[in-house]
Amino acid sequence: MTERTGIRELRSQLTSLVRRAGAGERIVVTIGGRAVAQLGPVEPPGSPVTIDDLVARGLLEPARRGDRPAEPGIRIDAWTGGRLDRALREVRGS
């Protein structure tokens, strides 16, 4: 499970939280209860990330629409400096 921490706690516990992230733990930083950043281990460049991975990390909330099933296993290479809007267009085929 991903831990969530507020910005004040991040400031006061930064060294400890960065060490935990370096050990493999993922920590979502919130401001006003809204996730705005993530601390975690450095992943190799080009590591594919699935939508399920992002949901499990607390970085994405699944769609609430029930009219069509989710497409499991779609891989998005989102951490290479590319633009997310372009990646979404590519996945959606538009």
N, C-alpha and C. Protein backbone atom coordinates (compact mmCIF):
# COMPACT_ATOMS: atom_id res chain seq x y z
N MET A 1 0.84 -1.19 0.00
CA MET A 1 0.00 0.00 0.00
C MET A 1 0.88 1.25 0.00
N THR A 2 0.45 2.25 -0.68
CA THR A 2 1.17 3.50 -0.77
C THR A 2 0.79 4.41 0.38
N GLU A 3 1.79 4.96 1.04
CA GLU A 3 1.51 5.90 2.13
C GLU A 3 1.27 7.28 1.56
N ARG A 4 0.37 8.01 2.18
CA ARG A 4 0.10 9.40 1.80
C ARG A 4 0.58 10.29 2.94
N THR A 5 1.23 11.38 2.58
CA THR A 5 1.73 12.31 3.59
C THR A 5 1.50 13.74 3.13
N GLY A 6 1.16 14.59 4.07
CA GLY A 6 0.95 16.00 3.76
C GLY A 6 2.26 16.74 3.59
N ILE A 7 2.17 17.91 3.02
CA ILE A 7 3.37 18.70 2.73
C ILE A 7 4.10 19.11 4.01
N ARG A 8 3.38 19.39 5.08
CA ARG A 8 4.04 19.76 6.35
C ARG A 8 4.86 18.60 6.89
N GLU A 9 4.25 17.40 6.87
CA GLU A 9 4.99 16.22 7.34
C GLU A 9 6.20 15.95 6.44
N LEU A 10 6.04 16.17 5.15
CA LEU A 10 7.16 15.98 4.22
C LEU A 10 8.33 16.88 4.62
N ARG A 11 8.03 18.13 4.91
CA ARG A 11 9.09 19.07 5.30
C ARG A 11 9.81 18.62 6.57
N SER A 12 9.04 18.17 7.54
CA SER A 12 9.65 17.82 8.83
C SER A 12 10.31 16.44 8.81
N GLN A 13 9.91 15.56 7.91
CA GLN A 13 10.43 14.20 7.87
C GLN A 13 11.15 13.88 6.56
N LEU A 14 11.63 14.88 5.86
CA LEU A 14 12.15 14.69 4.50
C LEU A 14 13.23 13.61 4.42
N THR A 15 14.23 13.67 5.27
CA THR A 15 15.32 12.70 5.20
C THR A 15 14.80 11.28 5.36
N SER A 16 13.97 11.06 6.35
CA SER A 16 13.40 9.73 6.60
C SER A 16 12.56 9.25 5.42
N LEU A 17 11.73 10.13 4.87
CA LEU A 17 10.86 9.74 3.76
C LEU A 17 11.67 9.44 2.50
N VAL A 18 12.72 10.21 2.23
CA VAL A 18 13.56 9.95 1.06
C VAL A 18 14.30 8.62 1.22
N ARG A 19 14.77 8.32 2.41
CA ARG A 19 15.42 7.02 2.64
C ARG A 19 14.44 5.88 2.40
N ARG A 20 13.22 6.03 2.90
CA ARG A 20 12.21 4.98 2.69
C ARG A 20 11.91 4.83 1.20
N ALA A 21 11.83 5.94 0.48
CA ALA A 21 11.59 5.88 -0.96
C ALA A 21 12.75 5.17 -1.66
N GLY A 22 13.96 5.46 -1.24
CA GLY A 22 15.12 4.81 -1.82
C GLY A 22 15.16 3.31 -1.55
N ALA A 23 14.50 2.90 -0.48
CA ALA A 23 14.43 1.48 -0.13
C ALA A 23 13.29 0.77 -0.87
N GLY A 24 12.55 1.51 -1.70
CA GLY A 24 11.51 0.87 -2.50
C GLY A 24 10.09 1.25 -2.17
N GLU A 25 9.90 2.00 -1.11
CA GLU A 25 8.54 2.39 -0.72
C GLU A 25 8.08 3.59 -1.55
N ARG A 26 6.80 3.64 -1.82
CA ARG A 26 6.22 4.78 -2.56
C ARG A 26 5.43 5.64 -1.58
N ILE A 27 5.64 6.94 -1.65
CA ILE A 27 4.98 7.88 -0.76
C ILE A 27 4.35 8.96 -1.62
N VAL A 28 3.05 9.14 -1.48
CA VAL A 28 2.32 10.17 -2.23
C VAL A 28 2.23 11.40 -1.35
N VAL A 29 2.64 12.54 -1.88
CA VAL A 29 2.60 13.81 -1.15
C VAL A 29 1.31 14.52 -1.51
N THR A 30 0.62 15.01 -0.48
CA THR A 30 -0.66 15.69 -0.70
C THR A 30 -0.60 17.14 -0.23
N ILE A 31 -1.40 17.96 -0.87
CA ILE A 31 -1.64 19.33 -0.42
C ILE A 31 -3.14 19.48 -0.35
N GLY A 32 -3.64 19.76 0.83
CA GLY A 32 -5.08 19.88 1.01
C GLY A 32 -5.82 18.58 0.70
N GLY A 33 -5.15 17.45 0.93
CA GLY A 33 -5.78 16.15 0.69
C GLY A 33 -5.71 15.67 -0.75
N ARG A 34 -5.16 16.47 -1.65
CA ARG A 34 -5.07 16.11 -3.07
C ARG A 34 -3.64 15.69 -3.40
N ALA A 35 -3.49 14.53 -4.02
CA ALA A 35 -2.16 14.03 -4.39
C ALA A 35 -1.53 14.96 -5.43
N VAL A 36 -0.29 15.39 -5.15
CA VAL A 36 0.39 16.31 -6.06
C VAL A 36 1.78 15.83 -6.47
N ALA A 37 2.35 14.89 -5.74
CA ALA A 37 3.69 14.41 -6.06
C ALA A 37 3.88 13.02 -5.47
N GLN A 38 4.94 12.37 -5.92
CA GLN A 38 5.24 11.03 -5.42
C GLN A 38 6.73 10.90 -5.17
N LEU A 39 7.07 10.27 -4.05
CA LEU A 39 8.45 9.88 -3.77
C LEU A 39 8.50 8.37 -3.96
N GLY A 40 9.53 7.89 -4.60
CA GLY A 40 9.66 6.46 -4.79
C GLY A 40 11.02 6.13 -5.36
N PRO A 41 11.28 4.84 -5.51
CA PRO A 41 12.57 4.44 -6.05
C PRO A 41 12.71 4.89 -7.50
N VAL A 42 13.93 5.14 -7.91
CA VAL A 42 14.20 5.51 -9.30
C VAL A 42 14.02 4.26 -10.15
N GLU A 43 13.23 4.39 -11.21
CA GLU A 43 12.99 3.26 -12.10
C GLU A 43 13.86 3.41 -13.34
N PRO A 44 14.23 2.30 -13.94
CA PRO A 44 15.05 2.38 -15.16
C PRO A 44 14.33 3.18 -16.24
N PRO A 45 15.05 3.96 -17.04
CA PRO A 45 14.42 4.73 -18.11
C PRO A 45 13.65 3.81 -19.05
N GLY A 46 12.48 4.26 -19.46
CA GLY A 46 11.67 3.49 -20.39
C GLY A 46 10.88 2.37 -19.76
N SER A 47 10.87 2.29 -18.42
CA SER A 47 10.08 1.25 -17.77
C SER A 47 8.61 1.49 -18.06
N PRO A 48 7.93 0.49 -18.63
CA PRO A 48 6.51 0.68 -18.92
C PRO A 48 5.69 0.72 -17.64
N VAL A 49 4.67 1.55 -17.63
CA VAL A 49 3.79 1.69 -16.48
C VAL A 49 2.37 1.44 -16.96
N THR A 50 1.63 0.59 -16.25
CA THR A 50 0.25 0.34 -16.63
C THR A 50 -0.68 1.25 -15.83
N ILE A 51 -1.88 1.39 -16.32
CA ILE A 51 -2.89 2.15 -15.59
C ILE A 51 -3.11 1.52 -14.23
N ASP A 52 -3.12 0.18 -14.17
CA ASP A 52 -3.28 -0.51 -12.89
C ASP A 52 -2.14 -0.16 -11.93
N ASP A 53 -0.92 -0.01 -12.45
CA ASP A 53 0.21 0.39 -11.61
C ASP A 53 -0.04 1.77 -10.99
N LEU A 54 -0.51 2.70 -11.81
CA LEU A 54 -0.77 4.06 -11.33
C LEU A 54 -1.88 4.08 -10.30
N VAL A 55 -2.92 3.27 -10.49
CA VAL A 55 -4.01 3.18 -9.51
C VAL A 55 -3.48 2.61 -8.21
N ALA A 56 -2.68 1.54 -8.29
CA ALA A 56 -2.13 0.91 -7.09
C ALA A 56 -1.23 1.85 -6.31
N ARG A 57 -0.55 2.76 -7.01
CA ARG A 57 0.34 3.72 -6.35
C ARG A 57 -0.41 4.92 -5.80
N GLY A 58 -1.70 4.99 -6.06
CA GLY A 58 -2.48 6.13 -5.58
C GLY A 58 -2.32 7.37 -6.43
N LEU A 59 -1.80 7.23 -7.64
CA LEU A 59 -1.56 8.37 -8.51
C LEU A 59 -2.68 8.61 -9.50
N LEU A 60 -3.59 7.66 -9.60
CA LEU A 60 -4.68 7.75 -10.56
C LEU A 60 -5.91 7.11 -9.95
N GLU A 61 -7.04 7.76 -10.13
CA GLU A 61 -8.29 7.16 -9.69
C GLU A 61 -8.96 6.55 -10.89
N PRO A 62 -9.44 5.30 -10.76
CA PRO A 62 -10.09 4.67 -11.91
C PRO A 62 -11.37 5.41 -12.28
N ALA A 63 -11.71 5.34 -13.55
CA ALA A 63 -12.93 5.99 -14.02
C ALA A 63 -14.13 5.39 -13.31
N ARG A 64 -15.12 6.22 -13.06
CA ARG A 64 -16.32 5.75 -12.36
C ARG A 64 -17.42 5.35 -13.32
N ARG A 65 -17.16 5.51 -14.62
CA ARG A 65 -18.17 5.14 -15.61
C ARG A 65 -18.29 3.63 -15.67
N GLY A 66 -19.50 3.14 -15.69
CA GLY A 66 -19.71 1.71 -15.74
C GLY A 66 -20.16 1.22 -17.10
N ASP A 67 -20.19 2.09 -18.11
CA ASP A 67 -20.73 1.68 -19.40
C ASP A 67 -19.74 0.90 -20.25
N ARG A 68 -18.47 0.89 -19.88
CA ARG A 68 -17.52 0.06 -20.62
C ARG A 68 -16.43 -0.42 -19.68
N PRO A 69 -15.97 -1.63 -19.89
CA PRO A 69 -14.95 -2.17 -18.99
C PRO A 69 -13.59 -1.52 -19.22
N ALA A 70 -12.79 -1.54 -18.19
CA ALA A 70 -11.42 -1.04 -18.31
C ALA A 70 -10.63 -1.98 -19.22
N GLU A 71 -9.61 -1.46 -19.84
CA GLU A 71 -8.76 -2.27 -20.71
C GLU A 71 -7.48 -2.60 -19.95
N PRO A 72 -7.45 -3.76 -19.29
CA PRO A 72 -6.28 -4.10 -18.48
C PRO A 72 -5.05 -4.35 -19.36
N GLY A 73 -3.91 -4.05 -18.80
CA GLY A 73 -2.66 -4.37 -19.47
C GLY A 73 -2.19 -3.35 -20.49
N ILE A 74 -2.90 -2.24 -20.66
CA ILE A 74 -2.41 -1.21 -21.57
C ILE A 74 -1.15 -0.61 -20.95
N ARG A 75 -0.09 -0.57 -21.72
CA ARG A 75 1.16 -0.03 -21.20
C ARG A 75 1.39 1.37 -21.76
N ILE A 76 1.73 2.28 -20.86
CA ILE A 76 2.01 3.66 -21.25
C ILE A 76 3.40 4.00 -20.75
N ASP A 77 4.27 4.39 -21.64
CA ASP A 77 5.62 4.79 -21.27
C ASP A 77 5.57 6.28 -20.93
N ALA A 78 5.17 6.59 -19.69
CA ALA A 78 4.83 7.96 -19.32
C ALA A 78 5.97 8.73 -18.65
N TRP A 79 7.09 8.11 -18.39
CA TRP A 79 8.11 8.79 -17.59
C TRP A 79 9.37 9.10 -18.39
N THR A 80 9.25 9.31 -19.67
CA THR A 80 10.44 9.58 -20.47
C THR A 80 10.51 11.03 -20.93
N GLY A 81 9.76 11.89 -20.29
CA GLY A 81 9.77 13.29 -20.67
C GLY A 81 8.78 13.60 -21.77
N GLY A 82 8.04 12.58 -22.22
CA GLY A 82 7.04 12.80 -23.25
C GLY A 82 5.81 13.47 -22.67
N ARG A 83 4.94 13.95 -23.54
CA ARG A 83 3.73 14.61 -23.09
C ARG A 83 2.63 13.59 -22.90
N LEU A 84 1.94 13.68 -21.77
CA LEU A 84 0.89 12.73 -21.44
C LEU A 84 -0.29 12.83 -22.40
N ASP A 85 -0.62 14.03 -22.87
CA ASP A 85 -1.74 14.15 -23.79
C ASP A 85 -1.47 13.39 -25.09
N ARG A 86 -0.22 13.40 -25.54
CA ARG A 86 0.13 12.65 -26.75
C ARG A 86 0.06 11.15 -26.50
N ALA A 87 0.52 10.71 -25.33
CA ALA A 87 0.45 9.29 -25.00
C ALA A 87 -1.00 8.83 -24.94
N LEU A 88 -1.88 9.64 -24.35
CA LEU A 88 -3.30 9.27 -24.28
C LEU A 88 -3.92 9.20 -25.67
N ARG A 89 -3.58 10.16 -26.54
CA ARG A 89 -4.09 10.11 -27.91
C ARG A 89 -3.65 8.84 -28.62
N GLU A 90 -2.40 8.46 -28.39
CA GLU A 90 -1.88 7.25 -29.03
C GLU A 90 -2.61 6.01 -28.53
N VAL A 91 -2.82 5.93 -27.21
CA VAL A 91 -3.53 4.78 -26.63
C VAL A 91 -4.96 4.73 -27.13
N ARG A 92 -5.59 5.88 -27.22
CA ARG A 92 -7.00 5.94 -27.65
C ARG A 92 -7.15 5.78 -29.16
N GLY A 93 -6.07 5.88 -29.89
CA GLY A 93 -6.12 5.71 -31.33
C GLY A 93 -6.70 6.90 -32.07
N SER A 94 -6.58 8.09 -31.48
CA SER A 94 -7.12 9.28 -32.16
C SER A 94 -6.03 10.16 -32.69
